[in-house]
Amino acid sequence: MTRQKKSRKSGPLAPRKVDRLSVPKVASTPKKAKGKGRPAGSRLAPVKPKEISNQKVPGSTDPRHGSKKPIPLAVSKAALTPAEAFAAIEDDEKLQSLLARIEDGQVLNKTDQAYVDSQLERYQALAAELGIDLEAEDDDREDDDDWEYDTSDMLDEDLPDLDKS
């Protein structure tokens, strides 16, 4: 392989491209330069009355696109129906235990008493809304006491003997 030494001469590596004959450009009539969009800060600029009349939709004057409806960022719980809320209060274990303590004669602290009061008020309001008569339920319970089964009411002789058959 033959080798060529580097040369210190600076010269073109290839012949230059010859330019075409330059044709002088004729200046045409000056035209308005094509716009590059709206100017800075134009979306918040007040709309001129002339532009409002040209618009097809005479809606909001805000030129921004899209919906302005707020988007909820947290999922909200579905509201309980009155019947479900009524059942939830009846099944509340904390409330039942506090009511049992009151029936036993114990005195509740302020927070527990406030909880019992608020739940009972809500219970009564829901009962009124649903048309449930709480007084009638109490009367029914008193009437049931007369009809309770008591073994002392019956004699063993009156009962049929089921073992014989």
Protein backbone atom coordinates (compact mmCIF):
# COMPACT_ATOMS: atom_id res chain seq x y z
CA MET A 1 0.00 0.00 0.00
CA THR A 2 1.22 3.29 -0.95
CA ARG A 3 0.87 6.10 1.39
CA GLN A 4 0.60 9.79 0.76
CA LYS A 5 1.97 12.28 3.17
CA LYS A 6 -0.23 14.98 4.52
CA SER A 7 0.08 18.21 2.74
CA ARG A 8 0.16 21.62 4.39
CA LYS A 9 -1.42 23.23 1.43
CA SER A 10 -4.99 24.30 2.02
CA GLY A 11 -6.99 24.02 -1.09
CA PRO A 12 -10.31 22.83 -2.30
CA LEU A 13 -10.87 19.15 -2.26
CA ALA A 14 -13.26 19.36 -5.17
CA PRO A 15 -13.92 21.97 -7.79
CA ARG A 16 -16.45 24.61 -6.80
CA LYS A 17 -19.99 24.46 -8.07
CA VAL A 18 -20.63 27.11 -10.61
CA ASP A 19 -23.63 29.31 -9.74
CA ARG A 20 -26.35 29.65 -12.27
CA LEU A 21 -26.85 32.94 -13.83
CA SER A 22 -28.57 34.97 -11.21
CA VAL A 23 -31.82 36.45 -12.36
CA PRO A 24 -32.65 39.61 -10.49
CA LYS A 25 -35.85 39.15 -8.49
CA VAL A 26 -38.50 41.63 -9.29
CA ALA A 27 -40.00 43.18 -6.20
CA SER A 28 -43.68 42.47 -6.35
CA THR A 29 -46.28 44.65 -4.74
CA PRO A 30 -45.80 44.62 -0.97
CA LYS A 31 -48.23 42.31 0.80
CA LYS A 32 -49.06 42.05 4.43
CA ALA A 33 -46.91 39.40 6.09
CA LYS A 34 -48.76 36.26 7.08
CA GLY A 35 -49.57 36.29 10.78
CA LYS A 36 -48.07 33.81 13.19
CA GLY A 37 -51.09 33.56 15.44
CA ARG A 38 -52.58 35.92 17.92
CA PRO A 39 -50.38 38.39 19.78
CA ALA A 40 -49.21 37.71 23.32
CA GLY A 41 -51.85 38.17 25.99
CA SER A 42 -54.64 38.34 23.45
CA ARG A 43 -56.88 35.75 25.09
CA LEU A 44 -57.46 37.97 28.10
CA ALA A 45 -57.79 41.16 26.09
CA PRO A 46 -61.33 42.53 25.98
CA VAL A 47 -63.24 41.65 22.84
CA LYS A 48 -64.15 44.60 20.66
CA PRO A 49 -67.87 45.17 20.00
CA LYS A 50 -67.22 44.90 16.25
CA GLU A 51 -65.89 41.35 16.66
CA ILE A 52 -68.85 40.31 18.81
CA SER A 53 -71.32 41.11 16.05
CA ASN A 54 -69.36 38.98 13.57
CA GLN A 55 -69.37 35.91 15.78
CA LYS A 56 -71.95 33.25 15.03
CA VAL A 57 -72.38 32.11 18.63
CA PRO A 58 -73.21 35.03 20.91
CA GLY A 59 -72.20 33.08 24.03
CA SER A 60 -69.50 33.88 26.50
CA THR A 61 -66.95 36.56 25.77
CA ASP A 62 -64.15 34.31 26.97
CA PRO A 63 -62.25 33.10 23.89
CA ARG A 64 -60.71 30.11 25.65
CA HIS A 65 -61.91 26.70 24.52
CA GLY A 66 -63.28 23.92 26.65
CA SER A 67 -65.70 23.43 29.46
CA LYS A 68 -65.62 25.68 32.49
CA LYS A 69 -67.39 23.12 34.65
CA PRO A 70 -65.35 22.31 37.77
CA ILE A 71 -64.02 18.78 37.98
CA PRO A 72 -64.34 16.99 41.36
CA LEU A 73 -60.93 15.77 42.47
CA ALA A 74 -62.19 13.36 45.13
CA VAL A 75 -64.85 10.72 44.79
CA SER A 76 -67.85 11.66 46.88
CA LYS A 77 -69.84 9.05 48.75
CA ALA A 78 -73.32 8.34 47.54
CA ALA A 79 -75.94 9.72 49.89
CA LEU A 80 -77.92 7.14 51.85
CA THR A 81 -81.63 6.92 51.37
CA PRO A 82 -83.69 7.67 54.49
CA ALA A 83 -84.55 3.98 54.87
CA GLU A 84 -80.86 2.99 54.72
CA ALA A 85 -79.90 5.72 57.20
CA PHE A 86 -82.71 4.58 59.53
CA ALA A 87 -81.45 0.97 59.38
CA ALA A 88 -77.86 2.12 59.93
CA ILE A 89 -78.83 3.96 63.12
CA GLU A 90 -80.75 0.91 64.37
CA ASP A 91 -77.70 -1.31 63.72
CA ASP A 92 -75.19 1.12 65.28
CA GLU A 93 -73.34 -0.95 67.91
CA LYS A 94 -71.84 2.09 69.64
CA LEU A 95 -75.26 3.66 70.06
CA GLN A 96 -76.75 0.40 71.34
CA SER A 97 -73.99 -0.01 73.93
CA LEU A 98 -74.39 3.60 75.10
CA LEU A 99 -78.17 3.19 75.41
CA ALA A 100 -77.63 0.00 77.42
CA ARG A 101 -75.29 1.91 79.75
CA ILE A 102 -77.95 4.61 80.20
CA GLU A 103 -80.58 1.97 81.04
CA ASP A 104 -78.21 0.50 83.63
CA GLY A 105 -78.08 3.91 85.29
CA GLN A 106 -74.54 4.91 84.32
CA VAL A 107 -73.76 8.54 83.59
CA LEU A 108 -72.15 9.21 80.20
CA ASN A 109 -69.43 11.77 79.52
CA LYS A 110 -70.20 14.84 77.39
CA THR A 111 -69.01 13.44 74.06
CA ASP A 112 -70.92 10.17 74.44
CA GLN A 113 -74.06 11.98 75.58
CA ALA A 114 -73.80 14.38 72.62
CA TYR A 115 -73.42 11.39 70.27
CA VAL A 116 -76.50 9.69 71.74
CA ASP A 117 -78.54 12.90 71.53
CA SER A 118 -77.60 13.59 67.91
CA GLN A 119 -78.27 10.00 66.82
CA LEU A 120 -81.65 9.90 68.59
CA GLU A 121 -82.68 13.22 67.02
CA ARG A 122 -81.70 11.91 63.59
CA TYR A 123 -83.53 8.64 64.30
CA GLN A 124 -86.73 10.48 65.23
CA ALA A 125 -86.47 12.76 62.18
CA LEU A 126 -86.01 9.77 59.86
CA ALA A 127 -88.91 7.94 61.51
CA ALA A 128 -91.14 10.97 60.94
CA GLU A 129 -89.97 11.24 57.33
CA LEU A 130 -90.61 7.56 56.66
CA GLY A 131 -93.96 7.65 58.44
CA ILE A 132 -92.98 5.25 61.21
CA ASP A 133 -94.84 5.82 64.48
CA LEU A 134 -92.36 5.20 67.31
CA GLU A 135 -95.05 5.53 70.01
CA ALA A 136 -97.12 2.75 68.42
CA GLU A 137 -94.15 0.39 68.57
CA ASP A 138 -93.78 1.02 72.31
CA ASP A 139 -97.50 0.34 72.85
CA ASP A 140 -97.25 -2.92 70.92
CA ARG A 141 -94.43 -4.09 73.15
CA GLU A 142 -96.49 -3.43 76.28
CA ASP A 143 -99.42 -5.38 74.83
CA ASP A 144 -97.16 -8.32 74.04
CA ASP A 145 -96.30 -8.72 77.73
CA ASP A 146 -99.82 -10.03 78.40
CA TRP A 147 -99.45 -12.78 75.83
CA GLU A 148 -96.01 -14.07 76.77
CA TYR A 149 -95.79 -17.80 77.30
CA ASP A 150 -95.39 -18.72 80.89
CA THR A 151 -94.93 -22.35 81.93
CA SER A 152 -96.58 -21.74 85.27
CA ASP A 153 -99.87 -20.95 83.50
CA MET A 154 -100.29 -24.49 82.31
CA LEU A 155 -100.31 -27.69 84.21
CA ASP A 156 -98.31 -30.65 83.07
CA GLU A 157 -101.50 -32.71 82.97
CA ASP A 158 -103.03 -30.57 80.25
CA LEU A 159 -100.16 -31.10 77.84
CA PRO A 160 -100.43 -34.07 75.51
CA ASP A 161 -97.77 -36.70 75.93
CA LEU A 162 -95.85 -36.89 72.67
CA ASP A 163 -93.60 -39.80 73.70
CA LYS A 164 -96.44 -42.35 73.66
CA SER A 165 -97.29 -42.03 70.00
